[in-house]
Structure formats: C-alpha cells, structure tokens
Amino acid sequence: MRQEEKQPYKVCRVGGHSFYIYLEYDEQLDESYPVYPDFEQHPDYTAEGRPFATAEQESCSCRKPKAAGEALPGDCGGCGWFYREQTPYDPIGICLCDARRRKPRSQREETA
C-alpha cells in the first residue's frame, strides 16, 4: 500500500505545519511503530526560519540544559531550545536557537 493510501496514525500540528505520522510494520519485531519525519536528512522550517525537530533527534552542538546546573541533553526533547507547542509530550517541536535559525525566505523566493 502506498503512503498516500494509508490512513495516518496521528497528525502533529506545530508551527503552522501539519506532519502526518504513519505506522510501519517491522517483521522481525512483529509490531508496528510510528515513523516521524527525519529533519536531519530533510530539514523543514517555520515561516520565521526556525527548524523543526523531533524530540528523539540527537542534540546538536548548540544544545543547552533546560535548567542551570543540569547536564547537557543527548536529544532535542531534553534541550532548553526545544519548544513544544501543545503539550509537554509533543514528539515534534521547534528549535528556538538563533544560531540554527535560517533567514526567512521572501515571497519571491518561495514562488521561484
């Protein structure tokens, strides 16, 4: 069955985007698991140029603890820059680090 014909497992809405999450079946484990976007391989950004990230994504060099005195996080979900829009458990969020922000595209660049 092609991805377009499958029903999404869930829809994550963040930063004005909707991300459709589908289940994939693993024959070895004999179970299904949700497949989230790979923002490291296929970056995506908000209209303001902020990058999307998954909570389980490995932290980048810009990572910071959520609170002073804590250890540096190993994943984006534990990073102080990671913003979850709806709940503290959102699997997809926005990186608020200015060093990772890209300049927003102009209207002309988007239509070119």
PDB file of N, CA and C in Angstrom:
ATOM      1  N   MET A   1       0.851  -1.183   0.000  1.00  0.00           N
ATOM      2  CA  MET A   1       0.000   0.000   0.000  1.00  0.00           C
ATOM      3  C   MET A   1       0.893   1.242   0.000  1.00  0.00           C
ATOM      4  N   ARG A   2       0.604   2.155  -0.880  1.00  0.00           N
ATOM      5  CA  ARG A   2       1.384   3.384  -0.958  1.00  0.00           C
ATOM      6  C   ARG A   2       1.046   4.309   0.203  1.00  0.00           C
ATOM      7  N   GLN A   3       2.014   5.153   0.571  1.00  0.00           N
ATOM      8  CA  GLN A   3       1.862   6.071   1.703  1.00  0.00           C
ATOM      9  C   GLN A   3       0.610   6.944   1.548  1.00  0.00           C
ATOM     10  N   GLU A   4       0.298   7.379   0.307  1.00  0.00           N
ATOM     11  CA  GLU A   4      -0.850   8.256   0.098  1.00  0.00           C
ATOM     12  C   GLU A   4      -2.162   7.537   0.407  1.00  0.00           C
ATOM     13  N   GLU A   5      -2.180   6.197   0.299  1.00  0.00           N
ATOM     14  CA  GLU A   5      -3.399   5.441   0.519  1.00  0.00           C
ATOM     15  C   GLU A   5      -3.592   5.056   1.980  1.00  0.00           C
ATOM     16  N   LYS A   6      -2.545   5.112   2.775  1.00  0.00           N
ATOM     17  CA  LYS A   6      -2.633   4.774   4.186  1.00  0.00           C
ATOM     18  C   LYS A   6      -3.325   5.887   4.956  1.00  0.00           C
ATOM     19  N   GLN A   7      -3.965   5.501   6.028  1.00  0.00           N
ATOM     20  CA  GLN A   7      -4.523   6.485   6.950  1.00  0.00           C
ATOM     21  C   GLN A   7      -3.428   6.861   7.943  1.00  0.00           C
ATOM     22  N   PRO A   8      -3.282   8.130   8.253  1.00  0.00           N
ATOM     23  CA  PRO A   8      -2.246   8.499   9.222  1.00  0.00           C
ATOM     24  C   PRO A   8      -2.570   7.955  10.614  1.00  0.00           C
ATOM     25  N   TYR A   9      -1.525   7.590  11.325  1.00  0.00           N
ATOM     26  CA  TYR A   9      -1.626   7.144  12.709  1.00  0.00           C
ATOM     27  C   TYR A   9      -1.986   8.342  13.585  1.00  0.00           C
ATOM     28  N   LYS A  10      -1.353   9.482  13.290  1.00  0.00           N
ATOM     29  CA  LYS A  10      -1.638  10.732  14.004  1.00  0.00           C
ATOM     30  C   LYS A  10      -1.154  11.885  13.147  1.00  0.00           C
ATOM     31  N   VAL A  11      -1.638  13.057  13.478  1.00  0.00           N
ATOM     32  CA  VAL A  11      -1.212  14.281  12.802  1.00  0.00           C
ATOM     33  C   VAL A  11      -0.652  15.193  13.880  1.00  0.00           C
ATOM     34  N   CYS A  12       0.597  15.612  13.694  1.00  0.00           N
ATOM     35  CA  CYS A  12       1.236  16.548  14.625  1.00  0.00           C
ATOM     36  C   CYS A  12       1.182  17.932  13.992  1.00  0.00           C
ATOM     37  N   ARG A  13       0.580  18.864  14.712  1.00  0.00           N
ATOM     38  CA  ARG A  13       0.483  20.240  14.219  1.00  0.00           C
ATOM     39  C   ARG A  13       1.369  21.121  15.082  1.00  0.00           C
ATOM     40  N   VAL A  14       2.291  21.778  14.411  1.00  0.00           N
ATOM     41  CA  VAL A  14       3.223  22.657  15.116  1.00  0.00           C
ATOM     42  C   VAL A  14       3.744  23.704  14.135  1.00  0.00           C
ATOM     43  N   GLY A  15       3.882  24.920  14.605  1.00  0.00           N
ATOM     44  CA  GLY A  15       4.458  25.984  13.795  1.00  0.00           C
ATOM     45  C   GLY A  15       3.746  26.231  12.485  1.00  0.00           C
ATOM     46  N   GLY A  16       2.440  26.025  12.459  1.00  0.00           N
ATOM     47  CA  GLY A  16       1.686  26.261  11.239  1.00  0.00           C
ATOM     48  C   GLY A  16       1.780  25.132  10.227  1.00  0.00           C
ATOM     49  N   HIS A  17       2.440  24.037  10.571  1.00  0.00           N
ATOM     50  CA  HIS A  17       2.571  22.874   9.690  1.00  0.00           C
ATOM     51  C   HIS A  17       1.800  21.696  10.273  1.00  0.00           C
ATOM     52  N   SER A  18       1.398  20.791   9.407  1.00  0.00           N
ATOM     53  CA  SER A  18       0.801  19.521   9.813  1.00  0.00           C
ATOM     54  C   SER A  18       1.718  18.411   9.318  1.00  0.00           C
ATOM     55  N   PHE A  19       2.152  17.554  10.225  1.00  0.00           N
ATOM     56  CA  PHE A  19       3.006  16.425   9.885  1.00  0.00           C
ATOM     57  C   PHE A  19       2.201  15.146  10.077  1.00  0.00           C
ATOM     58  N   TYR A  20       2.052  14.387   9.006  1.00  0.00           N
ATOM     59  CA  TYR A  20       1.294  13.145   9.045  1.00  0.00           C
ATOM     60  C   TYR A  20       2.226  12.002   9.425  1.00  0.00           C
ATOM     61  N   ILE A  21       1.872  11.314  10.484  1.00  0.00           N
ATOM     62  CA  ILE A  21       2.684  10.221  11.012  1.00  0.00           C
ATOM     63  C   ILE A  21       1.991   8.902  10.660  1.00  0.00           C
ATOM     64  N   TYR A  22       2.739   8.001  10.033  1.00  0.00           N
ATOM     65  CA  TYR A  22       2.204   6.706   9.616  1.00  0.00           C
ATOM     66  C   TYR A  22       2.871   5.597  10.415  1.00  0.00           C
ATOM     67  N   LEU A  23       2.198   4.476  10.495  1.00  0.00           N
ATOM     68  CA  LEU A  23       2.767   3.294  11.144  1.00  0.00           C
ATOM     69  C   LEU A  23       3.442   2.422  10.095  1.00  0.00           C
ATOM     70  N   GLU A  24       4.590   1.870  10.465  1.00  0.00           N
ATOM     71  CA  GLU A  24       5.278   0.883   9.634  1.00  0.00           C
ATOM     72  C   GLU A  24       5.397  -0.392  10.440  1.00  0.00           C
ATOM     73  N   TYR A  25       5.326  -1.492   9.731  1.00  0.00           N
ATOM     74  CA  TYR A  25       5.380  -2.787  10.386  1.00  0.00           C
ATOM     75  C   TYR A  25       6.800  -3.351  10.296  1.00  0.00           C
ATOM     76  N   ASP A  26       7.313  -3.827  11.421  1.00  0.00           N
ATOM     77  CA  ASP A  26       8.628  -4.469  11.487  1.00  0.00           C
ATOM     78  C   ASP A  26       8.401  -5.973  11.643  1.00  0.00           C
ATOM     79  N   GLU A  27       8.749  -6.725  10.612  1.00  0.00           N
ATOM     80  CA  GLU A  27       8.524  -8.170  10.626  1.00  0.00           C
ATOM     81  C   GLU A  27       9.342  -8.871  11.701  1.00  0.00           C
ATOM     82  N   GLN A  28      10.576  -8.438  11.928  1.00  0.00           N
ATOM     83  CA  GLN A  28      11.429  -9.068  12.936  1.00  0.00           C
ATOM     84  C   GLN A  28      10.865  -8.906  14.339  1.00  0.00           C
ATOM     85  N   LEU A  29      10.361  -7.725  14.634  1.00  0.00           N
ATOM     86  CA  LEU A  29       9.794  -7.466  15.959  1.00  0.00           C
ATOM     87  C   LEU A  29       8.320  -7.848  16.046  1.00  0.00           C
ATOM     88  N   ASP A  30       7.700  -8.057  14.886  1.00  0.00           N
ATOM     89  CA  ASP A  30       6.288  -8.381  14.793  1.00  0.00           C
ATOM     90  C   ASP A  30       5.426  -7.308  15.465  1.00  0.00           C
ATOM     91  N   GLU A  31       5.762  -6.051  15.171  1.00  0.00           N
ATOM     92  CA  GLU A  31       4.973  -4.931  15.697  1.00  0.00           C
ATOM     93  C   GLU A  31       5.109  -3.721  14.795  1.00  0.00           C
ATOM     94  N   SER A  32       4.171  -2.816  14.948  1.00  0.00           N
ATOM     95  CA  SER A  32       4.184  -1.574  14.184  1.00  0.00           C
ATOM     96  C   SER A  32       4.743  -0.451  15.042  1.00  0.00           C
ATOM     97  N   TYR A  33       5.302   0.540  14.380  1.00  0.00           N
ATOM     98  CA  TYR A  33       5.863   1.698  15.082  1.00  0.00           C
ATOM     99  C   TYR A  33       5.618   2.947  14.249  1.00  0.00           C
ATOM    100  N   PRO A  34       5.469   4.102  14.897  1.00  0.00           N
ATOM    101  CA  PRO A  34       5.255   5.342  14.157  1.00  0.00           C
ATOM    102  C   PRO A  34       6.552   5.835  13.523  1.00  0.00           C
ATOM    103  N   VAL A  35       6.428   6.367  12.316  1.00  0.00           N
ATOM    104  CA  VAL A  35       7.585   6.907  11.595  1.00  0.00           C
ATOM    105  C   VAL A  35       7.434   8.427  11.535  1.00  0.00           C
ATOM    106  N   TYR A  36       8.349   9.104  12.215  1.00  0.00           N
ATOM    107  CA  TYR A  36       8.333  10.566  12.270  1.00  0.00           C
ATOM    108  C   TYR A  36       9.255  11.125  11.192  1.00  0.00           C
ATOM    109  N   PRO A  37       9.050  12.380  10.796  1.00  0.00           N
ATOM    110  CA  PRO A  37       9.926  12.986   9.788  1.00  0.00           C
ATOM    111  C   PRO A  37      11.388  12.956  10.236  1.00  0.00           C
ATOM    112  N   ASP A  38      12.274  12.804   9.279  1.00  0.00           N
ATOM    113  CA  ASP A  38      13.714  12.843   9.541  1.00  0.00           C
ATOM    114  C   ASP A  38      14.203  14.247   9.191  1.00  0.00           C
ATOM    115  N   PHE A  39      14.155  15.130  10.167  1.00  0.00           N
ATOM    116  CA  PHE A  39      14.521  16.523   9.924  1.00  0.00           C
ATOM    117  C   PHE A  39      16.025  16.714   9.752  1.00  0.00           C
ATOM    118  N   GLU A  40      16.824  15.734  10.147  1.00  0.00           N
ATOM    119  CA  GLU A  40      18.267  15.828   9.910  1.00  0.00           C
ATOM    120  C   GLU A  40      18.566  15.619   8.426  1.00  0.00           C
ATOM    121  N   GLN A  41      17.891  14.666   7.810  1.00  0.00           N
ATOM    122  CA  GLN A  41      18.082  14.403   6.383  1.00  0.00           C
ATOM    123  C   GLN A  41      17.271  15.349   5.497  1.00  0.00           C
ATOM    124  N   HIS A  42      16.100  15.754   5.990  1.00  0.00           N
ATOM    125  CA  HIS A  42      15.191  16.602   5.217  1.00  0.00           C
ATOM    126  C   HIS A  42      14.711  17.754   6.096  1.00  0.00           C
ATOM    127  N   PRO A  43      15.552  18.767   6.273  1.00  0.00           N
ATOM    128  CA  PRO A  43      15.180  19.892   7.145  1.00  0.00           C
ATOM    129  C   PRO A  43      13.901  20.584   6.675  1.00  0.00           C
ATOM    130  N   ASP A  44      13.155  21.070   7.624  1.00  0.00           N
ATOM    131  CA  ASP A  44      11.943  21.826   7.357  1.00  0.00           C
ATOM    132  C   ASP A  44      11.918  22.969   8.375  1.00  0.00           C
ATOM    133  N   TYR A  45      11.334  24.101   7.974  1.00  0.00           N
ATOM    134  CA  TYR A  45      11.403  25.297   8.801  1.00  0.00           C
ATOM    135  C   TYR A  45      10.039  25.970   8.919  1.00  0.00           C
ATOM    136  N   THR A  46       9.871  26.700   9.995  1.00  0.00           N
ATOM    137  CA  THR A  46       8.687  27.529  10.161  1.00  0.00           C
ATOM    138  C   THR A  46       8.808  28.720   9.212  1.00  0.00           C
ATOM    139  N   ALA A  47       7.741  29.476   9.079  1.00  0.00           N
ATOM    140  CA  ALA A  47       7.771  30.679   8.238  1.00  0.00           C
ATOM    141  C   ALA A  47       8.805  31.685   8.739  1.00  0.00           C
ATOM    142  N   GLU A  48       9.122  31.620  10.052  1.00  0.00           N
ATOM    143  CA  GLU A  48      10.115  32.528  10.643  1.00  0.00           C
ATOM    144  C   GLU A  48      11.537  31.993  10.517  1.00  0.00           C
ATOM    145  N   GLY A  49      11.709  30.837   9.877  1.00  0.00           N
ATOM    146  CA  GLY A  49      13.041  30.282   9.671  1.00  0.00           C
ATOM    147  C   GLY A  49      13.551  29.389  10.790  1.00  0.00           C
ATOM    148  N   ARG A  50      12.684  29.025  11.721  1.00  0.00           N
ATOM    149  CA  ARG A  50      13.081  28.144  12.828  1.00  0.00           C
ATOM    150  C   ARG A  50      12.981  26.686  12.376  1.00  0.00           C
ATOM    151  N   PRO A  51      13.991  25.872  12.673  1.00  0.00           N
ATOM    152  CA  PRO A  51      13.944  24.472  12.242  1.00  0.00           C
ATOM    153  C   PRO A  51      13.034  23.613  13.123  1.00  0.00           C
ATOM    154  N   PHE A  52      12.335  22.687  12.476  1.00  0.00           N
ATOM    155  CA  PHE A  52      11.569  21.683  13.206  1.00  0.00           C
ATOM    156  C   PHE A  52      12.533  20.592  13.639  1.00  0.00           C
ATOM    157  N   ALA A  53      12.188  19.894  14.714  1.00  0.00           N
ATOM    158  CA  ALA A  53      12.992  18.773  15.210  1.00  0.00           C
ATOM    159  C   ALA A  53      12.060  17.786  15.897  1.00  0.00           C
ATOM    160  N   THR A  54      12.501  16.540  15.960  1.00  0.00           N
ATOM    161  CA  THR A  54      11.760  15.564  16.759  1.00  0.00           C
ATOM    162  C   THR A  54      12.417  15.495  18.127  1.00  0.00           C
ATOM    163  N   ALA A  55      11.630  15.145  19.119  1.00  0.00           N
ATOM    164  CA  ALA A  55      12.143  15.071  20.487  1.00  0.00           C
ATOM    165  C   ALA A  55      13.260  14.047  20.609  1.00  0.00           C
ATOM    166  N   GLU A  56      13.199  12.966  19.836  1.00  0.00           N
ATOM    167  CA  GLU A  56      14.204  11.904  19.937  1.00  0.00           C
ATOM    168  C   GLU A  56      15.453  12.160  19.096  1.00  0.00           C
ATOM    169  N   GLN A  57      15.432  13.199  18.285  1.00  0.00           N
ATOM    170  CA  GLN A  57      16.576  13.553  17.449  1.00  0.00           C
ATOM    171  C   GLN A  57      17.799  13.843  18.314  1.00  0.00           C
ATOM    172  N   GLU A  58      18.967  13.411  17.874  1.00  0.00           N
ATOM    173  CA  GLU A  58      20.199  13.647  18.624  1.00  0.00           C
ATOM    174  C   GLU A  58      20.481  15.145  18.723  1.00  0.00           C
ATOM    175  N   SER A  59      20.896  15.588  19.887  1.00  0.00           N
ATOM    176  CA  SER A  59      21.197  17.009  20.101  1.00  0.00           C
ATOM    177  C   SER A  59      22.318  17.485  19.188  1.00  0.00           C
ATOM    178  N   CYS A  60      22.239  18.747  18.827  1.00  0.00           N
ATOM    179  CA  CYS A  60      23.291  19.349  18.002  1.00  0.00           C
ATOM    180  C   CYS A  60      24.308  20.046  18.914  1.00  0.00           C
ATOM    181  N   SER A  61      25.272  20.698  18.316  1.00  0.00           N
ATOM    182  CA  SER A  61      26.323  21.374  19.089  1.00  0.00           C
ATOM    183  C   SER A  61      25.791  22.610  19.827  1.00  0.00           C
ATOM    184  N   CYS A  62      24.611  23.091  19.478  1.00  0.00           N
ATOM    185  CA  CYS A  62      24.014  24.269  20.129  1.00  0.00           C
ATOM    186  C   CYS A  62      23.211  23.915  21.377  1.00  0.00           C
ATOM    187  N   ARG A  63      23.148  22.651  21.743  1.00  0.00           N
ATOM    188  CA  ARG A  63      22.287  22.203  22.843  1.00  0.00           C
ATOM    189  C   ARG A  63      22.578  22.933  24.149  1.00  0.00           C
ATOM    190  N   LYS A  64      21.545  23.018  24.963  1.00  0.00           N
ATOM    191  CA  LYS A  64      21.699  23.623  26.289  1.00  0.00           C
ATOM    192  C   LYS A  64      20.750  22.906  27.249  1.00  0.00           C
ATOM    193  N   PRO A  65      21.122  22.849  28.517  1.00  0.00           N
ATOM    194  CA  PRO A  65      20.235  22.216  29.502  1.00  0.00           C
ATOM    195  C   PRO A  65      18.950  23.024  29.661  1.00  0.00           C
ATOM    196  N   LYS A  66      17.892  22.353  30.090  1.00  0.00           N
ATOM    197  CA  LYS A  66      16.624  23.053  30.345  1.00  0.00           C
ATOM    198  C   LYS A  66      16.734  23.969  31.556  1.00  0.00           C
ATOM    199  N   ALA A  67      17.583  23.601  32.513  1.00  0.00           N
ATOM    200  CA  ALA A  67      17.760  24.409  33.727  1.00  0.00           C
ATOM    201  C   ALA A  67      19.247  24.488  34.060  1.00  0.00           C
ATOM    202  N   ALA A  68      19.648  25.586  34.669  1.00  0.00           N
ATOM    203  CA  ALA A  68      21.049  25.782  35.061  1.00  0.00           C
ATOM    204  C   ALA A  68      21.500  24.638  35.972  1.00  0.00           C
ATOM    205  N   GLY A  69      22.698  24.143  35.747  1.00  0.00           N
ATOM    206  CA  GLY A  69      23.258  23.090  36.580  1.00  0.00           C
ATOM    207  C   GLY A  69      22.966  21.687  36.086  1.00  0.00           C
ATOM    208  N   GLU A  70      22.037  21.542  35.141  1.00  0.00           N
ATOM    209  CA  GLU A  70      21.739  20.217  34.586  1.00  0.00           C
ATOM    210  C   GLU A  70      22.787  19.850  33.537  1.00  0.00           C
ATOM    211  N   ALA A  71      22.901  18.556  33.267  1.00  0.00           N
ATOM    212  CA  ALA A  71      23.827  18.063  32.241  1.00  0.00           C
ATOM    213  C   ALA A  71      23.298  18.431  30.851  1.00  0.00           C
ATOM    214  N   LEU A  72      24.208  18.487  29.880  1.00  0.00           N
ATOM    215  CA  LEU A  72      23.792  18.751  28.503  1.00  0.00           C
ATOM    216  C   LEU A  72      22.912  17.598  28.016  1.00  0.00           C
ATOM    217  N   PRO A  73      21.862  17.903  27.293  1.00  0.00           N
ATOM    218  CA  PRO A  73      20.950  16.862  26.834  1.00  0.00           C
ATOM    219  C   PRO A  73      21.552  16.037  25.699  1.00  0.00           C
ATOM    220  N   GLY A  74      21.099  14.800  25.577  1.00  0.00           N
ATOM    221  CA  GLY A  74      21.541  13.926  24.495  1.00  0.00           C
ATOM    222  C   GLY A  74      20.598  13.961  23.308  1.00  0.00           C
ATOM    223  N   ASP A  75      19.385  14.488  23.521  1.00  0.00           N
ATOM    224  CA  ASP A  75      18.424  14.564  22.428  1.00  0.00           C
ATOM    225  C   ASP A  75      17.728  15.929  22.454  1.00  0.00           C
ATOM    226  N   CYS A  76      17.048  16.239  21.364  1.00  0.00           N
ATOM    227  CA  CYS A  76      16.391  17.546  21.254  1.00  0.00           C
ATOM    228  C   CYS A  76      15.283  17.713  22.289  1.00  0.00           C
ATOM    229  N   GLY A  77      14.587  16.647  22.629  1.00  0.00           N
ATOM    230  CA  GLY A  77      13.497  16.734  23.593  1.00  0.00           C
ATOM    231  C   GLY A  77      13.941  17.221  24.960  1.00  0.00           C
ATOM    232  N   GLY A  78      15.199  17.002  25.300  1.00  0.00           N
ATOM    233  CA  GLY A  78      15.727  17.439  26.587  1.00  0.00           C
ATOM    234  C   GLY A  78      16.443  18.772  26.530  1.00  0.00           C
ATOM    235  N   CYS A  79      16.473  19.384  25.360  1.00  0.00           N
ATOM    236  CA  CYS A  79      17.209  20.635  25.152  1.00  0.00           C
ATOM    237  C   CYS A  79      16.366  21.839  25.557  1.00  0.00           C
ATOM    238  N   GLY A  80      17.019  22.823  26.128  1.00  0.00           N
ATOM    239  CA  GLY A  80      16.354  24.056  26.519  1.00  0.00           C
ATOM    240  C   GLY A  80      15.855  24.883  25.351  1.00  0.00           C
ATOM    241  N   TRP A  81      16.379  24.650  24.150  1.00  0.00           N
ATOM    242  CA  TRP A  81      15.925  25.372  22.967  1.00  0.00           C
ATOM    243  C   TRP A  81      14.680  24.739  22.342  1.00  0.00           C
ATOM    244  N   PHE A  82      14.356  23.500  22.708  1.00  0.00           N
ATOM    245  CA  PHE A  82      13.261  22.761  22.074  1.00  0.00           C
ATOM    246  C   PHE A  82      11.915  23.238  22.597  1.00  0.00           C
ATOM    247  N   TYR A  83      11.073  23.729  21.693  1.00  0.00           N
ATOM    248  CA  TYR A  83       9.765  24.274  22.060  1.00  0.00           C
ATOM    249  C   TYR A  83       8.665  23.330  21.579  1.00  0.00           C
ATOM    250  N   ARG A  84       7.886  22.856  22.533  1.00  0.00           N
ATOM    251  CA  ARG A  84       6.719  22.027  22.229  1.00  0.00           C
ATOM    252  C   ARG A  84       5.505  22.937  22.267  1.00  0.00           C
ATOM    253  N   GLU A  85       4.752  22.936  21.193  1.00  0.00           N
ATOM    254  CA  GLU A  85       3.680  23.915  21.037  1.00  0.00           C
ATOM    255  C   GLU A  85       2.408  23.593  21.827  1.00  0.00           C
ATOM    256  N   GLN A  86       2.027  22.307  21.917  1.00  0.00           N
ATOM    257  CA  GLN A  86       0.735  21.986  22.523  1.00  0.00           C
ATOM    258  C   GLN A  86       0.839  21.314  23.885  1.00  0.00           C
ATOM    259  N   THR A  87       1.666  20.300  24.019  1.00  0.00           N
ATOM    260  CA  THR A  87       1.778  19.579  25.293  1.00  0.00           C
ATOM    261  C   THR A  87       3.249  19.336  25.623  1.00  0.00           C
ATOM    262  N   PRO A  88       3.575  19.020  26.864  1.00  0.00           N
ATOM    263  CA  PRO A  88       4.972  18.722  27.214  1.00  0.00           C
ATOM    264  C   PRO A  88       5.460  17.401  26.623  1.00  0.00           C
ATOM    265  N   TYR A  89       4.579  16.675  25.940  1.00  0.00           N
ATOM    266  CA  TYR A  89       4.941  15.385  25.353  1.00  0.00           C
ATOM    267  C   TYR A  89       4.925  15.397  23.832  1.00  0.00           C
ATOM    268  N   ASP A  90       4.763  16.553  23.213  1.00  0.00           N
ATOM    269  CA  ASP A  90       4.740  16.626  21.752  1.00  0.00           C
ATOM    270  C   ASP A  90       6.016  16.009  21.172  1.00  0.00           C
ATOM    271  N   PRO A  91       5.883  15.095  20.208  1.00  0.00           N
ATOM    272  CA  PRO A  91       7.062  14.456  19.623  1.00  0.00           C
ATOM    273  C   PRO A  91       7.791  15.331  18.612  1.00  0.00           C
ATOM    274  N   ILE A  92       7.123  16.356  18.094  1.00  0.00           N
ATOM    275  CA  ILE A  92       7.738  17.288  17.134  1.00  0.00           C
ATOM    276  C   ILE A  92       7.649  18.686  17.723  1.00  0.00           C
ATOM    277  N   GLY A  93       8.755  19.407  17.644  1.00  0.00           N
ATOM    278  CA  GLY A  93       8.800  20.762  18.165  1.00  0.00           C
ATOM    279  C   GLY A  93       9.607  21.669  17.264  1.00  0.00           C
ATOM    280  N   ILE A  94       9.896  22.844  17.782  1.00  0.00           N
ATOM    281  CA  ILE A  94      10.634  23.863  17.045  1.00  0.00           C
ATOM    282  C   ILE A  94      11.887  24.212  17.832  1.00  0.00           C
ATOM    283  N   CYS A  95      13.016  24.296  17.152  1.00  0.00           N
ATOM    284  CA  CYS A  95      14.267  24.713  17.786  1.00  0.00           C
ATOM    285  C   CYS A  95      14.291  26.243  17.805  1.00  0.00           C
ATOM    286  N   LEU A  96      14.389  26.815  18.993  1.00  0.00           N
ATOM    287  CA  LEU A  96      14.386  28.274  19.137  1.00  0.00           C
ATOM    288  C   LEU A  96      15.786  28.885  19.200  1.00  0.00           C
ATOM    289  N   CYS A  97      16.806  28.077  18.947  1.00  0.00           N
ATOM    290  CA  CYS A  97      18.193  28.566  18.964  1.00  0.00           C
ATOM    291  C   CYS A  97      18.426  29.486  17.762  1.00  0.00           C
ATOM    292  N   ASP A  98      18.852  30.711  18.018  1.00  0.00           N
ATOM    293  CA  ASP A  98      19.090  31.666  16.932  1.00  0.00           C
ATOM    294  C   ASP A  98      20.227  31.228  16.001  1.00  0.00           C
ATOM    295  N   ALA A  99      21.187  30.476  16.505  1.00  0.00           N
ATOM    296  CA  ALA A  99      22.293  30.010  15.663  1.00  0.00           C
ATOM    297  C   ALA A  99      21.816  29.030  14.586  1.00  0.00           C
ATOM    298  N   ARG A 100      20.722  28.340  14.829  1.00  0.00           N
ATOM    299  CA  ARG A 100      20.188  27.367  13.868  1.00  0.00           C
ATOM    300  C   ARG A 100      19.085  27.953  12.990  1.00  0.00           C
ATOM    301  N   ARG A 101      18.677  29.157  13.301  1.00  0.00           N
ATOM    302  CA  ARG A 101      17.616  29.799  12.527  1.00  0.00           C
ATOM    303  C   ARG A 101      18.148  30.204  11.167  1.00  0.00           C
ATOM    304  N   ARG A 102      17.341  29.990  10.158  1.00  0.00           N
ATOM    305  CA  ARG A 102      17.743  30.463   8.831  1.00  0.00           C
ATOM    306  C   ARG A 102      16.916  31.680   8.479  1.00  0.00           C
ATOM    307  N   LYS A 103      17.475  32.488   7.623  1.00  0.00           N
ATOM    308  CA  LYS A 103      16.795  33.707   7.215  1.00  0.00           C
ATOM    309  C   LYS A 103      15.505  33.323   6.501  1.00  0.00           C
ATOM    310  N   PRO A 104      14.363  33.890   6.919  1.00  0.00           N
ATOM    311  CA  PRO A 104      13.107  33.560   6.248  1.00  0.00           C
ATOM    312  C   PRO A 104      13.164  33.929   4.762  1.00  0.00           C
ATOM    313  N   ARG A 105      12.547  33.076   3.956  1.00  0.00           N
ATOM    314  CA  ARG A 105      12.517  33.323   2.518  1.00  0.00           C
ATOM    315  C   ARG A 105      11.547  34.447   2.210  1.00  0.00           C
ATOM    316  N   SER A 106      11.874  35.196   1.184  1.00  0.00           N
ATOM    317  CA  SER A 106      10.958  36.246   0.749  1.00  0.00           C
ATOM    318  C   SER A 106       9.854  35.591  -0.073  1.00  0.00           C
ATOM    319  N   GLN A 107       8.793  36.305  -0.317  1.00  0.00           N
ATOM    320  CA  GLN A 107       7.670  35.790  -1.093  1.00  0.00           C
ATOM    321  C   GLN A 107       8.139  35.392  -2.490  1.00  0.00           C
ATOM    322  N   ARG A 108       9.052  36.153  -3.081  1.00  0.00           N
ATOM    323  CA  ARG A 108       9.543  35.879  -4.430  1.00  0.00           C
ATOM    324  C   ARG A 108      10.353  34.574  -4.452  1.00  0.00           C
ATOM    325  N   GLU A 109      11.190  34.320  -3.439  1.00  0.00           N
ATOM    326  CA  GLU A 109      11.982  33.088  -3.371  1.00  0.00           C
ATOM    327  C   GLU A 109      11.103  31.857  -3.276  1.00  0.00           C
ATOM    328  N   GLU A 110       9.985  31.951  -2.541  1.00  0.00           N
ATOM    329  CA  GLU A 110       9.091  30.812  -2.364  1.00  0.00           C
ATOM    330  C   GLU A 110       8.384  30.424  -3.648  1.00  0.00           C
ATOM    331  N   THR A 111       8.101  31.399  -4.506  1.00  0.00           N
ATOM    332  CA  THR A 111       7.392  31.093  -5.752  1.00  0.00           C
ATOM    333  C   THR A 111       8.340  30.783  -6.895  1.00  0.00           C
ATOM    334  N   ALA A 112       9.620  31.007  -6.718  1.00  0.00           N
ATOM    335  CA  ALA A 112      10.599  30.750  -7.790  1.00  0.00           C
ATOM    336  C   ALA A 112      10.879  29.275  -7.950  1.00  0.00           C
TER     337      ALA A 112
END
